[in-house]
Protein backbone atom coordinates (compact mmCIF):
# COMPACT_ATOMS: atom_id res chain seq x y z
CA UNK A 1 -0.07 -0.03 0.02
CA UNK A 2 1.44 3.33 -1.14
CA UNK A 3 2.26 5.80 1.72
CA UNK A 4 0.29 9.07 1.56
CA UNK A 5 2.00 12.33 2.48
CA UNK A 6 -0.21 14.88 4.20
CA UNK A 7 1.05 18.45 3.76
CA UNK A 8 0.00 21.21 6.25
CA UNK A 9 0.36 24.80 5.49
CA UNK A 10 2.76 26.34 7.93
CA UNK A 11 1.66 29.21 10.10
CA UNK A 12 3.29 32.40 9.07
CA UNK A 13 4.74 34.34 12.07
CA UNK A 14 4.14 38.08 11.83
CA UNK A 15 7.12 40.05 13.28
CA UNK A 16 6.35 42.55 15.95
CA UNK A 17 7.20 45.63 13.64
CA UNK A 18 4.28 44.54 11.32
CA UNK A 19 1.91 43.17 14.01
CA UNK A 20 2.09 46.29 16.01
CA UNK A 21 2.14 48.88 13.21
CA UNK A 22 -0.10 51.89 13.89
CA UNK A 23 -3.39 52.03 11.88
CA UNK A 24 -4.52 55.53 13.02
CA UNK A 25 -2.96 58.70 14.29
CA UNK A 26 -3.89 58.14 17.63
CA UNK A 27 -1.86 54.89 17.85
CA UNK A 28 1.19 56.58 16.23
CA UNK A 29 4.01 57.17 18.83
CA UNK A 30 5.54 60.52 18.87
CA UNK A 31 5.69 62.72 15.70
CA UNK A 32 3.13 65.21 17.25
CA UNK A 33 3.98 68.05 14.93
CA UNK A 34 3.36 65.80 11.67
CA UNK A 35 0.01 64.58 13.18
CA UNK A 36 -1.30 68.05 14.02
CA UNK A 37 -0.46 69.16 10.56
CA UNK A 38 -2.16 66.35 8.72
CA UNK A 39 -5.02 66.16 11.00
CA UNK A 40 -5.64 69.93 10.68
CA UNK A 41 -5.56 69.60 6.90
CA UNK A 42 -8.16 66.89 6.92
CA UNK A 43 -10.57 68.67 9.39
CA UNK A 44 -10.26 71.77 7.34
CA UNK A 45 -10.36 70.31 3.81
CA UNK A 46 -6.88 71.81 2.99
CA UNK A 47 -5.04 68.55 2.01
CA UNK A 48 -2.20 69.36 -0.50
CA UNK A 49 -1.77 67.40 -3.68
CA UNK A 50 1.75 66.26 -2.70
CA UNK A 51 3.43 65.42 0.41
CA UNK A 52 7.15 64.37 1.06
CA UNK A 53 7.71 62.57 4.47
CA UNK A 54 11.56 62.77 5.19
CA UNK A 55 13.21 61.32 8.26
CA UNK A 56 15.58 58.62 9.59
CA UNK A 57 14.82 54.92 9.19
CA UNK A 58 12.05 53.43 11.58
CA UNK A 59 10.44 56.78 12.38
CA UNK A 60 7.11 56.04 10.76
CA UNK A 61 7.26 57.69 7.28
CA UNK A 62 5.51 55.05 5.27
CA UNK A 63 3.12 54.45 8.13
CA UNK A 64 1.88 58.11 8.36
CA UNK A 65 1.50 58.03 4.53
CA UNK A 66 -0.71 54.91 4.66
CA UNK A 67 -2.82 56.49 7.55
CA UNK A 68 -3.22 59.62 5.55
CA UNK A 69 -4.27 57.54 2.54
CA UNK A 70 -6.81 55.76 4.49
CA UNK A 71 -8.34 58.93 6.00
CA UNK A 72 -8.74 60.33 2.46
CA UNK A 73 -10.56 57.34 1.02
CA UNK A 74 -12.30 56.37 4.17
CA UNK A 75 -16.15 55.88 3.76
CA UNK A 76 -16.83 58.00 6.81
CA UNK A 77 -14.25 60.49 5.76
CA UNK A 78 -12.43 62.41 4.81
CA UNK A 79 -11.75 63.00 8.62
CA UNK A 80 -8.83 63.25 11.04
CA UNK A 81 -8.90 59.51 11.68
CA UNK A 82 -9.73 56.58 9.43
CA UNK A 83 -12.40 54.34 10.76
CA UNK A 84 -10.47 51.03 10.09
CA UNK A 85 -13.70 49.07 9.55
CA UNK A 86 -14.94 50.02 5.97
CA UNK A 87 -13.88 48.21 2.93
CA UNK A 88 -11.49 50.88 1.84
CA UNK A 89 -9.69 51.08 5.19
CA UNK A 90 -9.45 47.19 5.44
CA UNK A 91 -8.28 46.92 1.72
CA UNK A 92 -5.55 49.46 2.48
CA UNK A 93 -4.43 47.50 5.42
CA UNK A 94 -4.40 44.23 3.48
CA UNK A 95 -2.75 45.90 0.32
CA UNK A 96 -5.79 45.08 -1.81
CA UNK A 97 -7.09 48.59 -2.36
CA UNK A 98 -6.88 49.39 -5.90
CA UNK A 99 -6.57 53.14 -5.63
CA UNK A 100 -3.63 53.04 -3.20
CA UNK A 101 -0.63 52.40 -5.50
CA UNK A 102 2.66 51.69 -3.64
CA UNK A 103 5.79 52.00 -5.65
CA UNK A 104 9.44 51.13 -4.56
CA UNK A 105 11.37 54.09 -5.85
CA UNK A 106 14.63 51.80 -5.85
CA UNK A 107 13.32 49.41 -8.25
CA UNK A 108 11.20 51.55 -10.47
CA UNK A 109 13.48 54.55 -10.89
CA UNK A 110 13.61 55.07 -14.63
CA UNK A 111 11.81 57.33 -17.11
CA UNK A 112 9.61 54.54 -18.39
CA UNK A 113 8.27 53.83 -15.02
CA UNK A 114 7.42 57.46 -14.48
CA UNK A 115 5.61 57.77 -17.99
CA UNK A 116 3.51 54.75 -17.16
CA UNK A 117 2.58 56.30 -13.83
CA UNK A 118 1.72 59.66 -15.50
CA UNK A 119 -0.44 57.79 -18.15
CA UNK A 120 -2.29 56.00 -15.49
CA UNK A 121 -2.83 59.09 -13.22
CA UNK A 122 -5.34 60.46 -15.91
CA UNK A 123 -7.85 57.77 -15.17
CA UNK A 124 -10.45 58.13 -12.46
CA UNK A 125 -10.13 56.03 -9.39
CA UNK A 126 -11.91 52.63 -9.26
CA UNK A 127 -13.20 52.47 -5.66
CA UNK A 128 -12.29 55.44 -3.64
CA UNK A 129 -12.38 59.32 -3.82
CA UNK A 130 -8.65 59.60 -4.79
CA UNK A 131 -6.08 57.72 -6.51
CA UNK A 132 -3.17 57.98 -4.13
CA UNK A 133 0.50 57.28 -5.19
CA UNK A 134 2.91 56.40 -2.56
CA UNK A 135 6.53 56.29 -3.80
CA UNK A 136 8.94 54.90 -0.97
CA UNK A 137 12.60 55.80 -1.27
CA UNK A 138 11.76 58.49 -3.76
CA UNK A 139 15.33 59.77 -3.70
CA UNK A 140 16.32 56.72 -5.68
CA UNK A 141 14.64 58.12 -8.78
CA UNK A 142 17.00 59.19 -11.44
CA UNK A 143 17.02 62.82 -12.49
CA UNK A 144 15.51 62.27 -15.89
CA UNK A 145 12.62 60.33 -14.03
CA UNK A 146 12.29 63.19 -11.71
CA UNK A 147 12.06 65.75 -14.51
CA UNK A 148 9.52 63.55 -16.33
CA UNK A 149 7.31 63.80 -13.06
CA UNK A 150 7.52 67.53 -12.77
CA UNK A 151 4.52 68.58 -14.86
CA UNK A 152 2.27 65.95 -13.45
CA UNK A 153 3.28 66.73 -9.97
CA UNK A 154 2.67 70.42 -10.31
CA UNK A 155 -0.68 70.19 -11.89
CA UNK A 156 -2.08 66.83 -11.11
CA UNK A 157 -5.58 65.93 -11.82
CA UNK A 158 -8.01 66.66 -8.98
CA UNK A 159 -8.48 63.02 -7.97
CA UNK A 160 -4.71 62.18 -7.57
CA UNK A 161 -2.62 62.65 -4.44
CA UNK A 162 1.15 61.86 -4.21
CA UNK A 163 2.86 60.98 -1.02
CA UNK A 164 6.62 60.55 -1.04
CA UNK A 165 8.85 58.96 1.70
CA UNK A 166 12.74 59.34 1.84
CA UNK A 167 15.51 58.94 4.29
CA UNK A 168 17.69 61.34 2.15
CA UNK A 169 15.67 64.48 1.26
CA UNK A 170 18.95 66.18 0.10
CA UNK A 171 19.15 63.91 -2.86
CA UNK A 172 15.66 64.97 -4.14
CA UNK A 173 16.04 67.71 -6.67
CA UNK A 174 14.87 71.21 -5.57
CA UNK A 175 12.09 71.32 -8.27
CA UNK A 176 10.45 68.37 -6.77
CA UNK A 177 10.76 69.73 -3.13
CA UNK A 178 9.20 73.00 -4.23
CA UNK A 179 6.24 71.25 -5.48
CA UNK A 180 5.59 69.32 -2.33
CA UNK A 181 4.74 69.99 1.38
CA UNK A 182 7.75 68.59 3.28
CA UNK A 183 7.21 67.01 6.66
CA UNK A 184 10.17 66.12 8.67
CA UNK A 185 9.67 63.09 11.12
CA UNK A 186 12.43 63.15 13.97
CA UNK A 187 13.96 60.15 15.91
CA UNK A 188 11.81 59.13 18.68
CA UNK A 189 12.91 59.75 22.24
CA UNK A 190 14.11 56.81 24.21
CA UNK A 191 11.40 57.23 26.77
CA UNK A 192 8.70 56.93 23.96
CA UNK A 193 10.28 53.86 22.68
CA UNK A 194 10.62 52.19 26.14
CA UNK A 195 7.07 53.01 26.92
CA UNK A 196 5.87 51.35 23.65
CA UNK A 197 7.94 48.48 24.07
CA UNK A 198 6.37 47.84 27.60
CA UNK A 199 3.06 47.80 25.94
CA UNK A 200 4.17 45.26 23.45
CA UNK A 201 5.72 43.04 26.05
CA UNK A 202 2.47 43.16 28.08
CA UNK A 203 0.33 42.17 25.07
CA UNK A 204 2.72 39.31 24.09
CA UNK A 205 2.69 38.07 27.76
CA UNK A 206 6.39 38.55 28.24
CA UNK A 207 7.77 39.71 31.54
CA UNK A 208 10.59 42.05 31.09
CA UNK A 209 12.98 42.99 33.80
CA UNK A 210 14.08 46.30 34.97
CA UNK A 211 15.90 48.21 32.48
CA UNK A 212 15.29 45.90 29.55
CA UNK A 213 12.90 48.24 27.61
CA UNK A 214 15.29 51.21 28.20
CA UNK A 215 18.33 49.23 26.88
CA UNK A 216 16.51 48.23 23.89
CA UNK A 217 15.43 51.67 23.28
CA UNK A 218 18.84 53.06 23.55
CA UNK A 219 20.10 50.55 21.07
CA UNK A 220 17.34 51.37 18.68
CA UNK A 221 18.79 55.00 18.14
CA UNK A 222 15.54 56.71 17.66
CA UNK A 223 13.77 53.99 15.38
CA UNK A 224 10.85 52.20 16.69
CA UNK A 225 11.13 49.52 13.92
CA UNK A 226 14.58 48.73 15.06
CA UNK A 227 13.49 48.53 18.61
CA UNK A 228 10.88 45.99 17.81
CA UNK A 229 13.20 44.09 15.68
CA UNK A 230 15.68 43.79 18.53
CA UNK A 231 12.72 42.74 20.79
CA UNK A 232 11.87 40.03 18.17
CA UNK A 233 15.49 38.87 18.24
CA UNK A 234 15.53 38.60 22.02
CA UNK A 235 12.08 36.86 22.15
CA UNK A 236 13.11 34.18 19.62
CA UNK A 237 15.14 32.57 22.40
CA UNK A 238 12.02 31.37 23.95
CA UNK A 239 12.63 32.84 27.24
CA UNK A 240 9.40 33.91 29.17
CA UNK A 241 11.36 36.50 31.24
CA UNK A 242 13.72 38.92 29.81
CA UNK A 243 16.84 40.35 31.68
CA UNK A 244 19.53 42.73 30.85
CA UNK A 245 21.87 39.71 30.72
CA UNK A 246 19.93 38.38 27.62
CA UNK A 247 20.70 41.68 25.92
CA UNK A 248 24.24 41.73 26.71
CA UNK A 249 24.81 38.29 25.25
CA UNK A 250 23.52 39.69 21.97
CA UNK A 251 26.60 41.98 21.23
CA UNK A 252 29.20 40.28 23.66
CA UNK A 253 28.93 42.89 26.32
CA UNK A 254 29.54 45.95 24.22
CA UNK A 255 29.18 48.62 26.76
CA UNK A 256 31.46 46.92 29.47
CA UNK A 257 34.06 46.30 26.62
CA UNK A 258 33.89 50.10 25.59
CA UNK A 259 34.33 51.19 29.24
CA UNK A 260 37.32 48.78 29.54
CA UNK A 261 38.93 50.01 26.18
CA UNK A 262 38.62 53.57 27.16
CA UNK A 263 40.16 53.04 30.55
CA UNK A 264 43.14 51.26 29.01
CA UNK A 265 43.56 53.96 26.48
CA UNK A 266 43.58 56.72 29.06
CA UNK A 267 46.41 54.66 30.79
CA UNK A 268 48.35 54.40 27.55
CA UNK A 269 48.31 50.52 27.69
CA UNK A 270 48.66 49.62 24.20
CA UNK A 271 48.74 45.78 24.65
CA UNK A 272 45.74 45.88 26.93
CA UNK A 273 43.74 47.87 24.29
CA UNK A 274 44.45 45.39 21.58
CA UNK A 275 43.74 42.37 23.74
CA UNK A 276 40.36 43.90 24.62
CA UNK A 277 39.10 44.00 21.14
CA UNK A 278 36.85 41.00 19.96
CA UNK A 279 38.71 38.05 18.44
CA UNK A 280 36.41 37.66 15.54
CA UNK A 281 36.65 40.15 12.90
CA UNK A 282 33.46 41.96 11.41
CA UNK A 283 32.55 43.68 14.63
CA UNK A 284 34.69 46.94 14.14
CA UNK A 285 31.45 49.02 13.30
CA UNK A 286 29.74 47.99 16.59
CA UNK A 287 32.95 48.47 18.62
CA UNK A 288 33.31 52.03 17.13
CA UNK A 289 29.78 52.83 17.80
CA UNK A 290 29.96 51.56 21.54
CA UNK A 291 33.10 53.63 22.00
CA UNK A 292 31.59 56.74 20.67
CA UNK A 293 28.46 56.41 22.72
CA UNK A 294 30.35 55.72 25.85
CA UNK A 295 32.90 58.35 25.22
CA UNK A 296 30.11 61.04 24.49
CA UNK A 297 28.43 59.95 27.69
CA UNK A 298 31.65 60.42 29.73
CA UNK A 299 32.31 63.90 28.10
CA UNK A 300 28.52 64.95 29.17
CA UNK A 301 29.05 63.53 32.78
CA UNK A 302 32.33 65.40 33.03
CA UNK A 303 31.06 68.69 31.71
CA UNK A 304 27.50 68.74 33.03
CA UNK A 305 27.52 66.53 36.06
CA UNK A 306 26.27 62.93 36.71
CA UNK A 307 22.75 64.02 36.95
CA UNK A 308 22.36 65.51 33.26
CA UNK A 309 19.11 64.15 31.83
CA UNK A 310 20.82 62.90 28.69
CA UNK A 311 22.53 60.18 30.62
CA UNK A 312 19.39 58.58 32.07
CA UNK A 313 19.23 56.05 29.42
CA UNK A 314 22.88 55.30 28.71
CA UNK A 315 23.55 55.11 32.52
CA UNK A 316 20.34 54.58 34.52
CA UNK A 317 22.15 53.66 37.66
CA UNK A 318 23.84 56.23 39.91
CA UNK A 319 27.10 54.04 39.96
CA UNK A 320 27.14 54.09 36.32
CA UNK A 321 27.05 57.79 36.12
CA UNK A 322 29.75 58.11 38.82
CA UNK A 323 31.93 55.87 36.81
CA UNK A 324 31.44 58.04 33.79
CA UNK A 325 32.46 60.96 35.74
CA UNK A 326 35.67 59.35 36.84
CA UNK A 327 36.40 58.22 33.28
CA UNK A 328 36.07 61.66 32.05
CA UNK A 329 38.45 63.20 34.82
CA UNK A 330 40.87 60.45 33.85
CA UNK A 331 40.83 61.25 30.13
CA UNK A 332 40.66 65.27 30.24
CA UNK A 333 38.67 67.50 28.23
CA UNK A 334 41.30 68.30 25.57
CA UNK A 335 42.09 64.56 24.96
CA UNK A 336 38.29 63.59 24.87
CA UNK A 337 37.71 65.97 22.05
CA UNK A 338 40.51 64.57 20.02
CA UNK A 339 39.43 61.03 20.78
CA UNK A 340 35.95 61.77 19.57
CA UNK A 341 37.40 63.07 16.39
CA UNK A 342 39.69 60.08 15.90
CA UNK A 343 36.67 57.75 16.36
CA UNK A 344 34.54 59.64 14.02
CA UNK A 345 37.34 59.64 11.43
CA UNK A 346 37.84 55.98 11.86
CA UNK A 347 34.12 55.34 11.34
CA UNK A 348 34.15 57.26 8.11
CA UNK A 349 37.22 55.26 6.98
CA UNK A 350 35.63 52.11 7.76
CA UNK A 351 32.64 53.00 5.51
CA UNK A 352 35.00 53.66 2.71
CA UNK A 353 37.40 50.55 3.38
CA UNK A 354 35.32 47.85 5.08
CA UNK A 355 37.79 45.09 4.15
CA UNK A 356 40.38 46.95 6.27
CA UNK A 357 38.15 47.30 9.35
CA UNK A 358 40.31 45.69 11.78
CA UNK A 359 43.54 47.80 10.77
CA UNK A 360 41.51 51.07 10.87
CA UNK A 361 40.21 50.29 14.33
CA UNK A 362 43.55 49.27 15.78
CA UNK A 363 45.36 52.36 14.33
CA UNK A 364 42.74 54.60 15.86
CA UNK A 365 43.07 53.01 19.27
CA UNK A 366 46.90 53.10 19.09
CA UNK A 367 46.78 56.83 18.32
CA UNK A 368 44.55 57.34 21.28
CA UNK A 369 47.04 55.52 23.50
CA UNK A 370 49.82 58.10 22.56
CA UNK A 371 48.10 60.44 25.11
CA UNK A 372 48.47 57.87 27.88
CA UNK A 373 49.85 59.07 31.16
CA UNK A 374 49.71 62.75 30.33
CA UNK A 375 48.86 64.47 33.70
CA UNK A 376 46.59 67.54 33.74
CA UNK A 377 48.52 70.71 34.36
CA UNK A 378 46.60 71.58 37.64
CA UNK A 379 47.51 68.10 39.08
CA UNK A 380 51.12 68.60 38.12
CA UNK A 381 51.25 71.98 39.94
CA UNK A 382 49.80 70.52 43.14
CA UNK A 383 52.32 67.87 43.03
CA UNK A 384 55.28 70.23 42.53
CA UNK A 385 54.07 72.52 45.40
CA UNK A 386 53.86 69.48 47.71
CA UNK A 387 57.51 68.41 46.61
CA UNK A 388 58.74 72.10 47.24
CA UNK A 389 57.10 72.15 50.79
CA UNK A 390 58.89 68.92 51.76
CA UNK A 391 62.21 70.11 50.28
CA UNK A 392 61.92 73.33 52.12
CA UNK A 393 61.09 71.58 55.48
CA UNK A 394 64.16 69.33 55.05
CA UNK A 395 66.44 72.38 54.55
CA UNK A 396 65.18 74.18 57.46
CA UNK A 397 65.85 71.10 59.78
CA UNK A 398 69.41 70.78 58.57
CA UNK A 399 69.89 74.59 58.78
CA UNK A 400 71.53 74.73 55.23
CA UNK A 401 70.01 76.89 52.63
CA UNK A 402 68.07 75.10 50.03
CA UNK A 403 67.15 76.20 46.82
CA UNK A 404 65.95 74.67 43.50
CA UNK A 405 68.13 74.89 40.47
CA UNK A 406 66.89 77.45 38.13
CA UNK A 407 64.97 76.04 35.15
CA UNK A 408 67.01 76.06 31.94
CA UNK A 409 65.87 78.94 29.78
CA UNK A 410 63.67 77.71 26.89
CA UNK A 411 65.29 77.40 23.46
CA UNK A 412 63.64 79.29 20.70
CA UNK A 413 65.33 78.02 17.53
CA UNK A 414 65.64 79.62 14.15
CA UNK A 415 65.99 76.73 11.72
CA UNK A 416 68.74 74.42 13.01
CA UNK A 417 70.55 77.22 14.74
CA UNK A 418 69.77 77.84 18.58
CA UNK A 419 69.29 81.58 19.29
CA UNK A 420 71.23 82.55 22.56
CA UNK A 421 69.10 85.63 22.91
CA UNK A 422 65.62 84.30 22.86
CA UNK A 423 63.54 86.89 24.23
CA UNK A 424 65.11 89.53 22.12
CA UNK A 425 64.48 87.62 18.87
CA UNK A 426 60.90 87.04 19.72
CA UNK A 427 60.04 90.56 20.77
CA UNK A 428 61.81 92.12 17.84
CA UNK A 429 61.09 89.66 15.18
CA UNK A 430 64.71 89.16 14.55
CA UNK A 431 65.27 92.83 13.53
CA UNK A 432 68.51 94.31 15.19
CA UNK A 433 67.07 97.90 14.90
CA UNK A 434 63.98 96.91 16.76
CA UNK A 435 66.19 95.24 19.27
CA UNK A 436 68.11 98.34 20.03
CA UNK A 437 64.94 100.25 20.25
CA UNK A 438 63.43 97.86 22.62
CA UNK A 439 66.55 97.90 24.71
CA UNK A 440 66.39 101.75 24.89
CA UNK A 441 62.93 101.74 25.99
CA UNK A 442 63.43 99.38 28.80
CA UNK A 443 66.38 101.58 29.97
CA UNK A 444 64.05 104.46 30.18
CA UNK A 445 61.49 102.34 32.18
CA UNK A 446 58.80 102.92 29.45
CA UNK A 447 56.42 100.21 28.60
CA UNK A 448 57.22 98.42 25.28
CA UNK A 449 54.79 98.44 22.49
CA UNK A 450 56.22 95.02 21.25
CA UNK A 451 54.24 92.05 21.16
CA UNK A 452 55.57 90.19 24.21
CA UNK A 453 56.26 91.21 27.93
CA UNK A 454 59.93 90.31 28.66
CA UNK A 455 59.94 91.67 32.31
CA UNK A 456 60.15 88.29 33.96
CA UNK A 457 63.74 88.72 34.98
CA UNK A 458 65.94 85.91 35.39
CA UNK A 459 63.95 83.42 33.22
CA UNK A 460 65.11 85.41 30.00
CA UNK A 461 68.88 85.87 29.34
CA UNK A 462 68.57 89.23 27.89
CA UNK A 463 72.05 90.82 27.01
CA UNK A 464 72.89 94.59 27.03
CA UNK A 465 72.20 97.25 29.72
CA UNK A 466 69.03 95.62 30.73
CA UNK A 467 70.82 92.54 31.51
CA UNK A 468 73.37 94.36 33.62
CA UNK A 469 70.80 95.96 35.64
CA UNK A 470 69.25 92.68 36.42
CA UNK A 471 72.48 91.20 37.41
CA UNK A 472 73.04 94.05 39.88
CA UNK A 473 69.63 93.22 41.52
CA UNK A 474 69.40 89.39 41.82
CA UNK A 475 66.00 88.25 42.65
CA UNK A 476 65.16 84.96 44.14
CA UNK A 477 64.72 82.05 41.77
CA UNK A 478 61.05 81.23 41.52
CA UNK A 479 59.82 77.76 42.25
CA UNK A 480 58.94 75.38 39.66
CA UNK A 481 55.06 75.62 40.25
CA UNK A 482 55.49 79.34 40.14
CA UNK A 483 57.13 79.19 36.76
CA UNK A 484 54.32 77.03 35.49
CA UNK A 485 51.81 79.61 36.42
CA UNK A 486 54.08 82.33 34.68
CA UNK A 487 53.79 80.63 31.44
CA UNK A 488 50.75 82.94 30.40
CA UNK A 489 53.19 85.94 30.89
CA UNK A 490 56.48 84.68 29.63
CA UNK A 491 56.75 83.85 25.91
CA UNK A 492 59.83 81.59 26.60
CA UNK A 493 58.11 79.70 29.14
CA UNK A 494 55.04 79.49 27.09
CA UNK A 495 57.03 78.21 24.15
CA UNK A 496 58.83 75.52 26.30
CA UNK A 497 55.60 74.46 27.84
CA UNK A 498 53.94 74.36 24.45
CA UNK A 499 56.74 72.09 23.02
CA UNK A 500 56.45 69.62 25.94
CA UNK A 501 52.65 69.46 25.77
CA UNK A 502 52.94 68.87 22.07
CA UNK A 503 55.42 65.98 22.45
CA UNK A 504 52.91 64.41 24.85
CA UNK A 505 50.27 64.66 22.08
CA UNK A 506 52.51 63.80 19.17
CA UNK A 507 56.14 63.17 19.69
CA UNK A 508 57.06 63.43 15.92
CA UNK A 509 55.21 66.74 15.64
CA UNK A 510 56.78 68.11 18.87
CA UNK A 511 60.20 67.46 17.48
CA UNK A 512 59.49 69.26 14.32
CA UNK A 513 58.51 72.41 16.33
CA UNK A 514 61.36 72.02 18.74
CA UNK A 515 64.00 71.83 15.92
CA UNK A 516 62.57 73.96 13.27
CA UNK A 517 60.16 76.20 14.96
CA UNK A 518 60.50 79.85 16.39
CA UNK A 519 57.93 81.64 18.30
CA UNK A 520 57.61 85.07 16.29
CA UNK A 521 54.84 86.55 18.32
CA UNK A 522 52.67 85.83 21.28
CA UNK A 523 50.23 88.39 22.35
CA UNK A 524 46.83 87.65 24.27
CA UNK A 525 45.08 84.81 22.42
CA UNK A 526 47.29 85.05 19.34
CA UNK A 527 50.52 83.26 18.51
CA UNK A 528 52.68 83.07 15.52
CA UNK A 529 55.28 80.38 14.79
CA UNK A 530 57.74 80.58 11.94
CA UNK A 531 59.65 77.84 10.30
CA UNK A 532 62.73 78.41 8.05
CA UNK A 533 63.97 75.12 6.77
CA UNK A 534 61.24 72.63 6.75
CA UNK A 535 61.54 69.38 4.72
CA UNK A 536 58.58 68.41 2.25
CA UNK A 537 57.46 65.63 4.73
CA UNK A 538 57.81 67.97 7.64
CA UNK A 539 55.79 70.66 5.85
CA UNK A 540 52.92 68.14 5.15
CA UNK A 541 52.79 67.01 8.79
CA UNK A 542 52.77 70.61 10.09
CA UNK A 543 49.96 71.77 7.83
CA UNK A 544 47.67 68.83 8.36
CA UNK A 545 44.27 69.51 9.65
CA UNK A 546 44.71 67.23 12.52
CA UNK A 547 47.92 68.71 13.55
CA UNK A 548 46.35 72.17 13.80
CA UNK A 549 43.96 70.83 16.42
CA UNK A 550 46.71 69.19 18.34
CA UNK A 551 48.81 72.34 18.09
CA UNK A 552 46.07 74.54 19.73
CA UNK A 553 45.25 71.90 22.28
CA UNK A 554 48.95 71.87 23.39
CA UNK A 555 49.11 75.70 23.44
CA UNK A 556 45.83 75.68 25.60
CA UNK A 557 47.44 73.13 27.97
CA UNK A 558 50.57 75.18 28.20
CA UNK A 559 49.11 78.62 29.02
CA UNK A 560 45.84 77.74 30.46
CA UNK A 561 43.62 79.48 27.77
CA UNK A 562 42.59 78.99 24.19
CA UNK A 563 45.31 80.50 21.71
CA UNK A 564 45.00 80.69 17.89
CA UNK A 565 48.26 79.79 16.42
CA UNK A 566 49.27 80.92 13.01
CA UNK A 567 52.23 79.14 11.28
CA UNK A 568 54.47 81.00 8.71
CA UNK A 569 57.03 79.08 6.41
CA UNK A 570 59.70 81.48 5.29
CA UNK A 571 61.03 78.95 3.12
CA UNK A 572 58.05 79.30 0.55
CA UNK A 573 58.72 81.55 -2.36
CA UNK A 574 58.15 85.12 -1.38
CA UNK A 575 57.26 87.98 -3.88
CA UNK A 576 60.61 89.32 -5.36
CA UNK A 577 62.49 86.12 -4.68
CA UNK A 578 64.82 84.97 -7.35
CA UNK A 579 63.04 81.96 -8.99
CA UNK A 580 63.85 81.07 -12.56
CA UNK A 581 61.61 83.32 -14.30
CA UNK A 582 62.39 86.33 -12.14
CA UNK A 583 66.21 85.62 -12.56
CA UNK A 584 65.72 85.83 -16.33
CA UNK A 585 63.68 88.88 -16.45
CA UNK A 586 66.24 90.56 -14.26
CA UNK A 587 69.11 89.47 -16.47
CA UNK A 588 67.41 90.54 -19.67
CA UNK A 589 66.65 94.24 -18.55
CA UNK A 590 69.72 94.65 -16.30
CA UNK A 591 67.55 95.10 -13.39
CA UNK A 592 67.65 94.36 -9.60
CA UNK A 593 65.30 92.57 -7.16
CA UNK A 594 63.97 94.82 -4.44
CA UNK A 595 61.71 93.61 -1.62
């Protein structure tokens, strides 16, 4: 007897994002401004012929368009809400309503598709009041397709409405935008998403532990669809009760890993940072995202305090917010800003070179580790004051005079040659006439009109009468911490401190400034640094955009206030210099070059 096979139709599972999709404006989560605009237009019979809904993914663009389409064709309308019970509303929900034509702009983006749409728009609707064209991802239409749609979009038949949805409105040409009412949907707040997830869990009979809905909302980044998809992924494990540990297992403990990596980078532990990365490749994008989120939270906690509302979701527990504050203190404000830039740059490079993801991530983290161990200037001053106090107490007990050795005068270099009179060179710009004038003014006890104040005494080895007068009136050598505080008043100390801070940030860049740089001017919040013999590779390093941020950050750390640094390269061709063309003209006309 032959065996008979009995086939049963499998039950189709409906994902949460589709099962709990809103069917009316009242069910729509958030987007209050968009709802008020559309409901007011429906009530006042002022519905436009074309709407463009723009916003990030998962914020409800297509859902809002479908609700509007149902409200326009509802048998009890048009009104501010569809009834969801008439054949038109039910057909629209099932996707079988003939007068609601949904088009995927990505696969129907040619001129021929738009021409077909334009020809069909002339015919009257079959079932409803309006024939509605809903084009999703409209930015994918080609420019010829957009141009073919212009005339119909500007003056459509009275029974036609156009509803467009896009995540990239900047890619829609201006002539299309000007013919539409543009409604922008914003990312949903994490509180609204968490509340909606709680309602979904209750409807599904799932018990969610404390913080589960908020953690899912945080990971969704403003998209309700993403939040429901993540909830689907967790529920697929069959657990009747959800805990935060279940969410941690989805990404391998991303938040804890991000905190560990940032702690190690702040300590400059390069081996530890590399070992903390996941072994399996392909997770570089997730790691960068977690690092950016955690570093941003640390910056907010450090600047605004642990109770800033922006941290309630990222760090709901008080001990988590306290840990963020401590991390911010450990990193420091200037370094945190550079780290954010490094991570954002790495994420952009990862998008362009996905095959090199691990190399890009490791290079960014190793660059961050260069700043490891750099102490804050205020902490350094406190430590030096404590050291001076101990040394002073020891000398009094022994009855012997004790003094700290005077700090070596900072070296302001001109090319490869060190200038022995740094302060004169800085204040006079290297001009001997200005130097003599400056010395004369100082002898007359008249305030100099130069760019720097060289009245710091023993810290600047100035020659001439002024130097003799200072030698006849020796002053007590200032302490190390006092000299650190004098950085904002002394150009040489400012330069030396700047070079030291710059070498902490970038040792190679600091060496270039120490060997080739010369502080030409330092006044208030402006500084001018001159280079005279840069090589091509050094010039490219100095003029790099990232180097500019590092230079200003180092100057701010050295003098305690923001400073705008201007760089001058005297090796570049100047007007009147004897290049080949200038020399030939001079020889031909028996002339001479004048500055």
